[in-house]
Amino acid sequence: MELIDGKMIADTIKGEIAAEVEQMVARGERRPHLAAILVGHDGGSETYVAHKVKACEQCGFTSTLIRYEDDVTEAELLEAVDRLNRDADVDGFIVQLPLPRHISEQKVIEAIDYRKDVDGFHPINVGRMSIGLPCFVSATPAGIVELLSRYGVETSGAECVVLGRSNIVGKPVATLMMQKGNPGNSTVTVCHSGTRNIKEITRRADIIIAALGQPGFVTADMVKDGAVIVDVGTTRVPDASRKSGWRLRGDVDFENVAPKCRLITPVPGGVGPMTIVSLMRNTLLAATRKIY
């Protein structure tokens, strides 16, 4: 069993991005600029945005954080999106999810100029990805595919099972894994709450991508020997031994599943760092105007 070290790969990619940015600056071009809108004080969102701001510094980007309280109106938030759409100095921006219930997340996503949609959530980017056109790919799926590539996982012809069908991870990563290319060209099965005989399906899998948000869902009897496991789960569970009172737990029963695997991502330190670095790559793409 070998751990897939997402932090190490992410640090390597950030170094590659920083080198490219310095070349841009040397040519007289400005640094890529990423903006983020954060609504409220959700602990997870605060942490994610802080990591993104730090990553911008490491990559040599300019970053701007725009904050609103929970009671911001939908109209006010849409106005902020419109301002960023029209700001020629901002290459890409994100609206950190989740948003308060009185705001339509879909309406906000669709209001973002798809050419600045570095989260890859806009329907135009999702549609372009589905037919293999250049686009901003959603950060977590892009990070997963990059991990498989950097660890030399043979995906062509492999049986890949995706657990979960969310718009942010499950659906897009299934699309990427089935498309022609490397990584890709896999035979993909998507399992969800309506799937019957799920263990029979996962036991056939060469690659399992678990993105259910159910801690410890994937058990040893669901995995064949030599499988590659990518655990996207990051659920906070109580842990009295930690100062915070909690720890992150993935969708995989790591202790019992890991010995059966050829490769497996830890939680934390696997997919998480790759999600952030994929956002940085999308921002660099936006700054170089490679997505139209």
Protein backbone atom coordinates (compact mmCIF):
# COMPACT_ATOMS: atom_id res chain seq x y z
CA MET A 1 0.00 0.00 0.00
CA GLU A 2 1.22 3.48 -0.93
CA LEU A 3 -0.28 6.77 0.18
CA ILE A 4 -1.18 9.30 -2.51
CA ASP A 5 0.40 12.46 -1.11
CA GLY A 6 -1.84 15.26 -2.31
CA LYS A 7 0.04 17.90 -0.32
CA MET A 8 3.36 17.01 -1.94
CA ILE A 9 1.87 17.07 -5.46
CA ALA A 10 0.05 20.33 -4.73
CA ASP A 11 3.26 21.97 -3.48
CA THR A 12 5.03 20.84 -6.66
CA ILE A 13 2.30 22.32 -8.87
CA LYS A 14 2.27 25.59 -6.91
CA GLY A 15 5.99 25.82 -7.58
CA GLU A 16 5.36 25.27 -11.29
CA ILE A 17 2.66 27.95 -11.32
CA ALA A 18 4.86 30.44 -9.41
CA ALA A 19 7.65 29.96 -11.94
CA GLU A 20 5.25 30.66 -14.81
CA VAL A 21 3.92 33.75 -13.06
CA GLU A 22 7.42 35.14 -12.62
CA GLN A 23 8.01 34.64 -16.33
CA MET A 24 4.79 36.59 -17.02
CA VAL A 25 5.92 39.43 -14.76
CA ALA A 26 9.36 39.46 -16.42
CA ARG A 27 7.60 39.96 -19.76
CA GLY A 28 5.81 42.99 -18.35
CA GLU A 29 2.48 41.24 -17.78
CA ARG A 30 0.55 41.69 -14.54
CA ARG A 31 0.11 38.99 -11.94
CA PRO A 32 -3.04 36.84 -12.08
CA HIS A 33 -5.76 38.20 -9.80
CA LEU A 34 -8.24 35.96 -7.95
CA ALA A 35 -11.13 37.41 -5.97
CA ALA A 36 -13.32 35.56 -3.49
CA ILE A 37 -16.71 36.46 -2.03
CA LEU A 38 -17.34 35.04 1.44
CA VAL A 39 -20.76 35.32 3.06
CA GLY A 40 -21.14 34.82 6.81
CA HIS A 41 -18.83 33.05 9.23
CA ASP A 42 -19.16 29.33 8.50
CA GLY A 43 -16.09 27.64 9.99
CA GLY A 44 -15.42 25.38 7.01
CA SER A 45 -15.83 28.20 4.50
CA GLU A 46 -13.54 30.48 6.53
CA THR A 47 -10.85 27.79 6.52
CA TYR A 48 -11.16 27.04 2.81
CA VAL A 49 -10.95 30.71 1.83
CA ALA A 50 -7.93 31.25 4.10
CA HIS A 51 -6.18 28.35 2.37
CA LYS A 52 -7.01 29.83 -1.03
CA VAL A 53 -5.62 33.24 -0.07
CA LYS A 54 -2.41 31.59 1.18
CA ALA A 55 -2.14 29.58 -2.05
CA CYS A 56 -2.44 32.82 -4.04
CA GLU A 57 0.56 34.20 -2.15
CA GLN A 58 2.56 31.03 -2.82
CA CYS A 59 1.74 31.17 -6.53
CA GLY A 60 2.55 34.86 -6.85
CA PHE A 61 -1.06 35.90 -7.50
CA THR A 62 -2.88 39.00 -6.37
CA SER A 63 -5.93 38.14 -4.25
CA THR A 64 -8.96 40.07 -3.00
CA LEU A 65 -11.40 38.90 -0.32
CA ILE A 66 -14.87 40.48 -0.28
CA ARG A 67 -16.90 39.74 2.86
CA TYR A 68 -20.61 40.00 3.60
CA GLU A 69 -22.66 39.13 6.66
CA ASP A 70 -25.30 36.38 6.61
CA ASP A 71 -28.07 38.93 6.12
CA VAL A 72 -26.77 40.17 2.75
CA THR A 73 -29.61 40.22 0.23
CA GLU A 74 -29.58 38.21 -2.96
CA ALA A 75 -29.72 41.46 -4.94
CA GLU A 76 -26.66 42.86 -3.15
CA LEU A 77 -24.71 39.67 -3.81
CA LEU A 78 -25.68 39.67 -7.48
CA GLU A 79 -24.52 43.29 -7.71
CA ALA A 80 -21.13 42.24 -6.32
CA VAL A 81 -20.92 39.47 -8.91
CA ASP A 82 -21.72 41.95 -11.66
CA ARG A 83 -18.99 44.32 -10.47
CA LEU A 84 -16.41 41.52 -10.56
CA ASN A 85 -17.61 40.45 -14.00
CA ARG A 86 -16.90 43.96 -15.27
CA ASP A 87 -13.63 44.51 -13.38
CA ALA A 88 -10.87 44.12 -15.98
CA ASP A 89 -8.25 43.74 -13.21
CA VAL A 90 -9.89 40.57 -11.85
CA ASP A 91 -9.11 37.46 -13.91
CA GLY A 92 -11.29 35.03 -12.03
CA PHE A 93 -13.43 34.87 -8.91
CA ILE A 94 -15.36 32.50 -6.72
CA VAL A 95 -18.41 32.79 -4.51
CA GLN A 96 -17.73 30.48 -1.58
CA LEU A 97 -20.51 27.95 -1.03
CA PRO A 98 -22.73 27.23 0.82
CA LEU A 99 -24.74 30.45 0.86
CA PRO A 100 -27.52 31.38 3.30
CA ARG A 101 -30.86 29.75 2.50
CA HIS A 102 -32.51 32.97 1.36
CA ILE A 103 -30.07 33.20 -1.56
CA SER A 104 -30.37 31.02 -4.67
CA GLU A 105 -26.97 29.44 -5.21
CA GLN A 106 -27.86 28.50 -8.77
CA LYS A 107 -28.89 32.05 -9.61
CA VAL A 108 -25.57 33.36 -8.27
CA ILE A 109 -23.55 30.73 -10.16
CA GLU A 110 -25.32 31.53 -13.42
CA ALA A 111 -24.70 35.26 -12.91
CA ILE A 112 -20.92 34.73 -12.99
CA ASP A 113 -19.23 35.39 -16.35
CA TYR A 114 -18.21 31.86 -17.42
CA ARG A 115 -14.86 33.28 -18.57
CA LYS A 116 -14.14 34.20 -14.94
CA ASP A 117 -15.80 31.12 -13.41
CA VAL A 118 -12.62 29.54 -12.03
CA ASP A 119 -14.70 27.23 -9.79
CA GLY A 120 -16.03 25.62 -12.98
CA PHE A 121 -19.65 25.60 -11.79
CA HIS A 122 -21.31 27.68 -14.54
CA PRO A 123 -23.54 25.64 -16.88
CA ILE A 124 -21.47 26.75 -19.88
CA ASN A 125 -18.27 25.36 -18.35
CA VAL A 126 -20.04 22.18 -17.25
CA GLY A 127 -21.50 21.73 -20.73
CA ARG A 128 -18.17 22.38 -22.47
CA MET A 129 -16.47 19.86 -20.17
CA SER A 130 -19.08 17.22 -20.98
CA ILE A 131 -18.27 17.38 -24.69
CA GLY A 132 -14.53 17.79 -24.26
CA LEU A 133 -14.12 21.48 -25.13
CA PRO A 134 -11.66 23.82 -23.35
CA CYS A 135 -13.19 25.05 -20.12
CA PHE A 136 -12.64 25.64 -16.45
CA VAL A 137 -13.01 22.19 -14.86
CA SER A 138 -14.45 22.04 -11.36
CA ALA A 139 -11.50 22.10 -8.96
CA THR A 140 -11.98 18.87 -7.01
CA PRO A 141 -12.54 16.62 -10.07
CA ALA A 142 -9.58 18.29 -11.80
CA GLY A 143 -7.45 17.63 -8.72
CA ILE A 144 -8.47 13.97 -8.59
CA VAL A 145 -7.59 13.40 -12.23
CA GLU A 146 -4.25 15.17 -11.73
CA LEU A 147 -3.40 12.92 -8.77
CA LEU A 148 -4.10 9.80 -10.84
CA SER A 149 -1.91 11.17 -13.62
CA ARG A 150 1.01 12.12 -11.39
CA TYR A 151 0.98 8.69 -9.72
CA GLY A 152 0.93 6.92 -13.07
CA VAL A 153 -2.41 5.17 -12.52
CA GLU A 154 -3.48 3.37 -15.71
CA THR A 155 -7.04 4.49 -16.30
CA SER A 156 -7.61 3.40 -19.90
CA GLY A 157 -9.91 0.39 -19.85
CA ALA A 158 -10.05 0.39 -16.06
CA GLU A 159 -13.29 -0.12 -14.17
CA CYS A 160 -13.94 3.04 -12.18
CA VAL A 161 -16.72 3.36 -9.63
CA VAL A 162 -17.76 6.83 -8.50
CA LEU A 163 -19.71 6.92 -5.25
CA GLY A 164 -21.90 10.02 -5.27
CA ARG A 165 -23.61 12.08 -7.95
CA SER A 166 -23.19 15.67 -6.79
CA ASN A 167 -22.84 18.45 -9.34
CA ILE A 168 -19.58 19.53 -7.73
CA VAL A 169 -17.72 16.18 -7.62
CA GLY A 170 -19.58 13.01 -8.59
CA LYS A 171 -21.00 13.93 -11.97
CA PRO A 172 -18.01 15.90 -13.30
CA VAL A 173 -15.37 13.38 -12.17
CA ALA A 174 -17.39 10.57 -13.79
CA THR A 175 -17.44 12.59 -17.00
CA LEU A 176 -13.69 13.19 -16.89
CA MET A 177 -12.92 9.53 -16.23
CA MET A 178 -14.99 8.31 -19.17
CA GLN A 179 -13.70 10.80 -21.74
CA LYS A 180 -11.05 9.84 -24.26
CA GLY A 181 -7.65 10.84 -22.97
CA ASN A 182 -5.16 10.06 -20.25
CA PRO A 183 -6.29 10.02 -17.50
CA GLY A 184 -9.66 8.88 -18.74
CA ASN A 185 -11.03 6.26 -21.12
CA SER A 186 -12.33 4.28 -18.15
CA THR A 187 -15.52 2.26 -17.86
CA VAL A 188 -17.40 4.30 -15.28
CA THR A 189 -20.24 3.30 -12.96
CA VAL A 190 -21.86 5.95 -10.76
CA CYS A 191 -23.41 4.64 -7.55
CA HIS A 192 -25.76 6.57 -5.28
CA SER A 193 -28.54 6.14 -2.73
CA GLY A 194 -30.71 4.29 -5.27
CA THR A 195 -28.03 1.78 -6.28
CA ARG A 196 -28.74 -1.89 -5.56
CA ASN A 197 -26.05 -4.46 -4.72
CA ILE A 198 -23.47 -1.72 -4.29
CA LYS A 199 -20.81 -4.02 -2.82
CA GLU A 200 -20.92 -6.27 -5.87
CA ILE A 201 -20.27 -3.23 -8.05
CA THR A 202 -17.44 -1.74 -5.98
CA ARG A 203 -15.66 -5.11 -5.66
CA ARG A 204 -15.14 -5.08 -9.46
CA ALA A 205 -13.58 -1.63 -9.42
CA ASP A 206 -9.94 -0.96 -10.24
CA ILE A 207 -10.48 2.63 -9.10
CA ILE A 208 -12.98 3.84 -6.50
CA ILE A 209 -13.67 7.57 -6.10
CA ALA A 210 -15.70 8.06 -2.91
CA ALA A 211 -17.59 11.35 -2.73
CA LEU A 212 -20.68 10.64 -0.64
CA GLY A 213 -20.06 12.65 2.50
CA GLN A 214 -20.76 9.56 4.62
CA PRO A 215 -17.85 8.84 7.00
CA GLY A 216 -16.48 5.30 6.78
CA PHE A 217 -18.99 4.20 4.12
CA VAL A 218 -16.44 2.21 2.08
CA THR A 219 -15.50 -0.87 4.06
CA ALA A 220 -12.90 -3.57 3.39
CA ASP A 221 -15.46 -6.03 2.03
CA MET A 222 -16.33 -3.52 -0.72
CA VAL A 223 -12.80 -3.33 -2.14
CA LYS A 224 -10.78 -5.81 -4.18
CA ASP A 225 -7.08 -6.31 -3.57
CA GLY A 226 -4.87 -3.88 -5.45
CA ALA A 227 -7.53 -1.23 -6.00
CA VAL A 228 -6.80 2.50 -6.16
CA ILE A 229 -8.95 4.54 -3.76
CA VAL A 230 -9.56 8.29 -3.91
CA ASP A 231 -11.37 9.51 -0.80
CA VAL A 232 -13.07 12.89 -1.28
CA GLY A 233 -14.93 12.83 2.04
CA THR A 234 -14.15 15.52 4.63
CA THR A 235 -16.72 15.20 7.40
CA ARG A 236 -16.07 16.64 10.85
CA VAL A 237 -16.56 13.96 13.52
CA PRO A 238 -16.24 14.37 17.31
CA ASP A 239 -12.79 13.63 18.76
CA ALA A 240 -12.26 14.44 22.43
CA SER A 241 -8.49 13.91 22.06
CA ARG A 242 -8.18 16.96 19.78
CA LYS A 243 -8.05 20.53 21.04
CA SER A 244 -10.71 21.46 18.48
CA GLY A 245 -12.97 18.65 19.70
CA TRP A 246 -13.24 17.21 16.17
CA ARG A 247 -11.27 15.67 13.32
CA LEU A 248 -11.82 15.14 9.62
CA ARG A 249 -12.91 11.70 8.50
CA GLY A 250 -13.22 10.48 4.95
CA ASP A 251 -15.81 8.30 3.25
CA VAL A 252 -13.44 5.33 3.47
CA ASP A 253 -12.79 3.16 6.55
CA PHE A 254 -9.10 3.91 6.07
CA GLU A 255 -7.64 1.65 8.77
CA ASN A 256 -9.23 -1.51 7.37
CA VAL A 257 -9.35 -0.62 3.66
CA ALA A 258 -5.80 0.73 3.20
CA PRO A 259 -4.00 -2.64 3.57
CA LYS A 260 -5.92 -3.98 0.56
CA CYS A 261 -5.09 -1.05 -1.73
CA ARG A 262 -2.28 -0.35 -4.14
CA LEU A 263 -2.79 3.38 -3.71
CA ILE A 264 -5.06 5.38 -1.39
CA THR A 265 -5.51 9.05 -0.47
CA PRO A 266 -5.41 10.02 3.22
CA VAL A 267 -7.89 12.43 4.84
CA PRO A 268 -6.71 15.10 5.31
CA GLY A 269 -3.77 15.58 2.95
CA GLY A 270 -5.10 13.83 -0.13
CA VAL A 271 -7.70 15.47 -2.35
CA GLY A 272 -8.08 18.69 -0.33
CA PRO A 273 -4.75 20.33 -1.28
CA MET A 274 -5.35 19.38 -4.93
CA THR A 275 -8.71 21.14 -4.95
CA ILE A 276 -7.06 24.42 -3.98
CA VAL A 277 -4.18 24.07 -6.43
CA SER A 278 -6.64 23.28 -9.25
CA LEU A 279 -8.34 26.59 -8.50
CA MET A 280 -4.93 28.26 -8.87
CA ARG A 281 -4.42 26.58 -12.25
CA ASN A 282 -7.83 27.77 -13.43
CA THR A 283 -6.94 31.31 -12.35
CA LEU A 284 -3.71 31.13 -14.34
CA LEU A 285 -5.71 29.93 -17.35
CA ALA A 286 -8.09 32.86 -16.92
CA ALA A 287 -5.20 35.33 -16.71
CA THR A 288 -3.64 34.00 -19.90
CA ARG A 289 -7.03 34.16 -21.66
CA LYS A 290 -6.86 30.50 -22.71
CA ILE A 291 -10.56 29.91 -22.06
CA TYR A 292 -13.10 31.68 -24.28
